[in-house]
């Protein structure tokens, strides 16, 4: 069977790992954090400030801010735009992600 990959002779680059809430997940170079989470079957990774409703990717192009996560201790990172880098530590973001700053 012919596939686009077989026609151009491409193959994926080496897989690396990131962690999400302590769980190790495989990631390919160039994948966004949202793509890695989707690939692992994780559809929600943030809760809203009021009510704690689950949120994940909505627009997928960085316009809506529904996909916010904390990456390596930095809150409010848009998972659909941030590339997954080897060793990244990603955590669920609750509310504004700034509870420790009392904002």
N, C-alpha and C. Protein backbone atom coordinates (compact mmCIF):
# COMPACT_ATOMS: atom_id res chain seq x y z
N UNK A 1 0.83 -1.18 0.00
CA UNK A 1 0.00 0.00 0.00
C UNK A 1 0.89 1.25 0.00
N UNK A 2 0.55 2.19 -0.85
CA UNK A 2 1.33 3.42 -0.94
C UNK A 2 0.75 4.46 0.02
N UNK A 3 1.64 5.12 0.69
CA UNK A 3 1.25 6.19 1.61
C UNK A 3 2.11 7.41 1.31
N UNK A 4 1.70 8.58 1.77
CA UNK A 4 2.55 9.76 1.55
C UNK A 4 3.96 9.56 2.09
N UNK A 5 4.09 8.92 3.23
CA UNK A 5 5.42 8.70 3.80
C UNK A 5 6.25 7.77 2.93
N UNK A 6 5.63 6.72 2.39
CA UNK A 6 6.40 5.80 1.55
C UNK A 6 6.80 6.46 0.23
N UNK A 7 6.00 7.40 -0.26
CA UNK A 7 6.33 8.08 -1.51
C UNK A 7 7.52 9.02 -1.36
N UNK A 8 7.65 9.69 -0.24
CA UNK A 8 8.75 10.64 -0.07
C UNK A 8 9.91 10.04 0.72
N UNK A 9 9.72 8.87 1.28
CA UNK A 9 10.79 8.22 2.02
C UNK A 9 11.04 8.81 3.39
N UNK A 10 10.08 9.52 3.90
CA UNK A 10 10.24 10.15 5.21
C UNK A 10 9.97 9.17 6.34
N UNK A 11 10.52 9.50 7.46
CA UNK A 11 10.23 8.74 8.66
C UNK A 11 10.24 9.70 9.84
N UNK A 12 9.46 9.41 10.86
CA UNK A 12 9.41 10.33 12.00
C UNK A 12 10.75 10.42 12.71
N UNK A 13 11.01 11.58 13.26
CA UNK A 13 12.23 11.77 14.04
C UNK A 13 12.09 11.02 15.36
N UNK A 14 13.15 10.97 16.09
CA UNK A 14 13.16 10.25 17.36
C UNK A 14 12.13 10.81 18.34
N UNK A 15 11.47 9.91 19.01
CA UNK A 15 10.47 10.29 20.01
C UNK A 15 11.17 10.73 21.29
N UNK A 16 10.64 11.77 21.92
CA UNK A 16 11.13 12.17 23.23
C UNK A 16 9.94 12.16 24.19
N UNK A 17 10.18 12.43 25.45
CA UNK A 17 9.09 12.39 26.43
C UNK A 17 8.90 13.71 27.12
N UNK A 18 7.64 13.98 27.45
CA UNK A 18 7.28 15.07 28.34
C UNK A 18 6.45 14.43 29.46
N UNK A 19 6.24 15.16 30.53
CA UNK A 19 5.35 14.64 31.57
C UNK A 19 4.14 15.56 31.68
N UNK A 20 3.01 14.95 31.93
CA UNK A 20 1.77 15.69 32.17
C UNK A 20 1.20 15.19 33.49
N UNK A 21 1.15 16.07 34.47
CA UNK A 21 0.70 15.71 35.81
C UNK A 21 1.38 14.43 36.30
N UNK A 22 2.68 14.34 36.02
CA UNK A 22 3.49 13.21 36.47
C UNK A 22 3.48 11.99 35.56
N UNK A 23 2.65 11.99 34.55
CA UNK A 23 2.54 10.86 33.61
C UNK A 23 3.44 11.11 32.40
N UNK A 24 4.30 10.16 32.07
CA UNK A 24 5.18 10.31 30.92
C UNK A 24 4.41 10.06 29.63
N UNK A 25 4.60 10.98 28.66
CA UNK A 25 3.92 10.88 27.37
C UNK A 25 4.93 11.01 26.25
N UNK A 26 4.79 10.20 25.19
CA UNK A 26 5.70 10.32 24.04
C UNK A 26 5.33 11.53 23.19
N UNK A 27 6.36 12.20 22.66
CA UNK A 27 6.14 13.36 21.81
C UNK A 27 7.11 13.30 20.63
N UNK A 28 6.67 13.79 19.50
CA UNK A 28 7.52 13.89 18.32
C UNK A 28 8.00 15.32 18.17
N UNK A 29 9.19 15.52 17.63
CA UNK A 29 9.66 16.89 17.40
C UNK A 29 8.65 17.66 16.55
N UNK A 30 8.36 18.89 16.96
CA UNK A 30 7.42 19.73 16.22
C UNK A 30 5.99 19.64 16.70
N UNK A 31 5.66 18.65 17.51
CA UNK A 31 4.29 18.55 18.01
C UNK A 31 4.04 19.61 19.07
N UNK A 32 2.83 20.15 19.05
CA UNK A 32 2.45 21.07 20.13
C UNK A 32 2.11 20.24 21.36
N UNK A 33 2.09 20.89 22.49
CA UNK A 33 1.69 20.20 23.72
C UNK A 33 0.27 19.68 23.58
N UNK A 34 -0.63 20.47 22.96
CA UNK A 34 -2.01 20.01 22.76
C UNK A 34 -2.04 18.73 21.93
N UNK A 35 -1.23 18.64 20.88
CA UNK A 35 -1.20 17.44 20.04
C UNK A 35 -0.72 16.22 20.83
N UNK A 36 0.27 16.42 21.69
CA UNK A 36 0.76 15.32 22.53
C UNK A 36 -0.35 14.86 23.47
N UNK A 37 -1.05 15.80 24.09
CA UNK A 37 -2.12 15.44 25.02
C UNK A 37 -3.26 14.75 24.29
N UNK A 38 -3.66 15.28 23.14
CA UNK A 38 -4.71 14.62 22.34
C UNK A 38 -4.30 13.20 21.98
N UNK A 39 -3.05 13.03 21.56
CA UNK A 39 -2.56 11.71 21.17
C UNK A 39 -2.60 10.71 22.31
N UNK A 40 -2.53 11.21 23.54
CA UNK A 40 -2.59 10.34 24.71
C UNK A 40 -4.03 10.18 25.22
N UNK A 41 -5.00 10.75 24.49
CA UNK A 41 -6.40 10.63 24.88
C UNK A 41 -6.82 11.61 25.96
N UNK A 42 -6.00 12.62 26.22
CA UNK A 42 -6.33 13.63 27.24
C UNK A 42 -6.99 14.80 26.53
N UNK A 43 -8.24 15.06 26.86
CA UNK A 43 -9.00 16.09 26.16
C UNK A 43 -9.23 17.36 26.98
N UNK A 44 -9.02 17.30 28.27
CA UNK A 44 -9.19 18.48 29.13
C UNK A 44 -7.98 18.59 30.04
N UNK A 45 -7.43 19.82 30.16
CA UNK A 45 -6.25 20.02 30.99
C UNK A 45 -6.26 21.36 31.69
N UNK A 46 -7.41 21.97 31.80
CA UNK A 46 -7.56 23.22 32.53
C UNK A 46 -8.94 23.25 33.13
N UNK A 47 -9.09 23.97 34.24
CA UNK A 47 -10.42 24.20 34.79
C UNK A 47 -10.66 25.70 34.82
N UNK A 48 -11.92 26.09 34.70
CA UNK A 48 -12.26 27.51 34.69
C UNK A 48 -12.15 28.10 36.08
N UNK A 49 -11.96 29.41 36.11
CA UNK A 49 -11.81 30.13 37.37
C UNK A 49 -13.07 30.01 38.23
N UNK A 50 -14.21 30.14 37.63
CA UNK A 50 -15.47 30.03 38.37
C UNK A 50 -16.17 28.75 37.96
N UNK A 51 -16.38 27.88 38.89
CA UNK A 51 -17.10 26.64 38.63
C UNK A 51 -16.23 25.43 38.38
N UNK A 52 -14.97 25.63 38.02
CA UNK A 52 -14.07 24.50 37.81
C UNK A 52 -14.43 23.62 36.62
N UNK A 53 -15.06 24.20 35.58
CA UNK A 53 -15.43 23.41 34.41
C UNK A 53 -14.19 23.01 33.61
N UNK A 54 -14.15 21.79 33.09
CA UNK A 54 -12.98 21.34 32.33
C UNK A 54 -12.88 22.03 30.98
N UNK A 55 -11.66 22.29 30.57
CA UNK A 55 -11.39 22.90 29.27
C UNK A 55 -10.18 22.22 28.65
N UNK A 56 -10.13 22.24 27.33
CA UNK A 56 -9.00 21.73 26.56
C UNK A 56 -8.84 22.62 25.35
N UNK A 57 -8.49 22.05 24.22
CA UNK A 57 -8.36 22.84 23.00
C UNK A 57 -9.73 23.14 22.43
N UNK A 58 -9.93 24.36 21.99
CA UNK A 58 -11.18 24.75 21.35
C UNK A 58 -10.90 25.21 19.92
N UNK A 59 -10.12 26.28 19.77
CA UNK A 59 -9.87 26.80 18.43
C UNK A 59 -8.66 26.14 17.77
N UNK A 60 -7.66 25.78 18.57
CA UNK A 60 -6.46 25.14 18.04
C UNK A 60 -5.50 26.08 17.33
N UNK A 61 -5.76 27.40 17.34
CA UNK A 61 -4.87 28.35 16.67
C UNK A 61 -4.43 29.49 17.57
N UNK A 62 -4.63 29.36 18.87
CA UNK A 62 -4.14 30.35 19.80
C UNK A 62 -4.99 31.58 20.00
N UNK A 63 -6.25 31.55 19.56
CA UNK A 63 -7.11 32.72 19.70
C UNK A 63 -7.97 32.72 20.95
N UNK A 64 -8.29 31.54 21.48
CA UNK A 64 -9.34 31.49 22.51
C UNK A 64 -8.87 31.33 23.95
N UNK A 65 -7.69 30.88 24.19
CA UNK A 65 -7.14 30.70 25.54
C UNK A 65 -7.80 29.58 26.35
N UNK A 66 -8.57 28.71 25.73
CA UNK A 66 -9.17 27.60 26.47
C UNK A 66 -8.14 26.52 26.80
N UNK A 67 -7.04 26.46 26.09
CA UNK A 67 -6.08 25.36 26.25
C UNK A 67 -4.92 25.69 27.17
N UNK A 68 -5.09 26.63 28.08
CA UNK A 68 -3.98 27.03 28.95
C UNK A 68 -3.50 25.89 29.84
N UNK A 69 -2.17 25.80 29.96
CA UNK A 69 -1.50 24.83 30.84
C UNK A 69 -0.34 25.54 31.52
N UNK A 70 0.20 24.87 32.51
CA UNK A 70 1.42 25.34 33.15
C UNK A 70 2.56 24.49 32.61
N UNK A 71 3.57 25.12 32.03
CA UNK A 71 4.71 24.42 31.43
C UNK A 71 5.98 24.82 32.17
N UNK A 72 6.62 23.83 32.76
CA UNK A 72 7.85 24.07 33.51
C UNK A 72 7.69 25.20 34.54
N UNK A 73 6.52 25.19 35.20
CA UNK A 73 6.26 26.17 36.24
C UNK A 73 5.71 27.50 35.76
N UNK A 74 5.62 27.70 34.45
CA UNK A 74 5.07 28.94 33.88
C UNK A 74 3.60 28.75 33.55
N UNK A 75 2.70 29.46 34.25
CA UNK A 75 1.27 29.31 33.96
C UNK A 75 0.87 30.06 32.69
N UNK A 76 -0.35 29.78 32.25
CA UNK A 76 -0.99 30.49 31.14
C UNK A 76 -0.30 30.31 29.79
N UNK A 77 0.22 29.13 29.55
CA UNK A 77 0.83 28.80 28.25
C UNK A 77 -0.23 28.14 27.38
N UNK A 78 -0.39 28.60 26.15
CA UNK A 78 -1.38 28.01 25.24
C UNK A 78 -0.83 26.71 24.65
N UNK A 79 -1.43 25.60 25.05
CA UNK A 79 -0.95 24.27 24.65
C UNK A 79 -0.97 24.07 23.15
N UNK A 80 -1.85 24.78 22.44
CA UNK A 80 -1.93 24.60 20.99
C UNK A 80 -0.79 25.30 20.27
N UNK A 81 -0.09 26.21 20.94
CA UNK A 81 1.00 26.95 20.31
C UNK A 81 2.39 26.56 20.80
N UNK A 82 2.48 26.03 22.01
CA UNK A 82 3.78 25.74 22.61
C UNK A 82 4.28 24.38 22.12
N UNK A 83 5.48 24.35 21.51
CA UNK A 83 6.02 23.06 21.08
C UNK A 83 6.45 22.23 22.29
N UNK A 84 6.22 20.94 22.21
CA UNK A 84 6.63 20.02 23.27
C UNK A 84 8.12 19.77 23.13
N UNK A 85 8.86 20.12 24.16
CA UNK A 85 10.32 19.94 24.15
C UNK A 85 10.70 18.81 25.09
N UNK A 86 11.79 18.11 24.79
CA UNK A 86 12.20 17.00 25.65
C UNK A 86 12.31 17.43 27.11
N UNK A 87 11.68 16.63 27.98
CA UNK A 87 11.75 16.89 29.41
C UNK A 87 10.79 17.91 29.95
N UNK A 88 9.94 18.50 29.10
CA UNK A 88 8.96 19.47 29.60
C UNK A 88 8.08 18.85 30.67
N UNK A 89 7.78 19.65 31.68
CA UNK A 89 6.86 19.25 32.73
C UNK A 89 5.61 20.10 32.59
N UNK A 90 4.53 19.45 32.18
CA UNK A 90 3.26 20.14 31.94
C UNK A 90 2.28 19.72 33.03
N UNK A 91 1.57 20.70 33.57
CA UNK A 91 0.58 20.38 34.61
C UNK A 91 -0.75 21.05 34.30
N UNK A 92 -1.80 20.42 34.81
CA UNK A 92 -3.14 20.98 34.69
C UNK A 92 -3.15 22.36 35.31
N UNK A 93 -3.83 23.28 34.66
CA UNK A 93 -3.95 24.63 35.20
C UNK A 93 -5.34 24.80 35.77
N UNK A 94 -5.39 25.21 37.03
CA UNK A 94 -6.67 25.47 37.68
C UNK A 94 -6.91 26.96 37.76
N UNK A 95 -8.04 27.40 37.20
CA UNK A 95 -8.36 28.83 37.21
C UNK A 95 -7.35 29.63 36.43
N UNK A 96 -6.81 30.67 37.08
CA UNK A 96 -5.87 31.57 36.41
C UNK A 96 -4.45 31.03 36.40
N UNK A 97 -4.18 29.99 37.18
CA UNK A 97 -2.83 29.45 37.22
C UNK A 97 -1.88 30.27 38.06
N UNK A 98 -2.40 31.23 38.80
CA UNK A 98 -1.56 32.11 39.58
C UNK A 98 -1.95 32.14 41.05
N UNK A 99 -2.43 31.03 41.57
CA UNK A 99 -2.87 30.98 42.96
C UNK A 99 -1.74 31.33 43.91
N UNK A 100 -0.52 30.90 43.59
CA UNK A 100 0.61 31.18 44.47
C UNK A 100 0.99 32.66 44.50
N UNK A 101 0.52 33.43 43.50
CA UNK A 101 0.83 34.86 43.46
C UNK A 101 -0.29 35.70 44.06
N UNK A 102 -1.36 35.06 44.51
CA UNK A 102 -2.51 35.74 45.10
C UNK A 102 -3.09 36.81 44.17
N UNK A 103 -3.16 36.50 42.88
CA UNK A 103 -3.72 37.45 41.90
C UNK A 103 -5.11 37.00 41.54
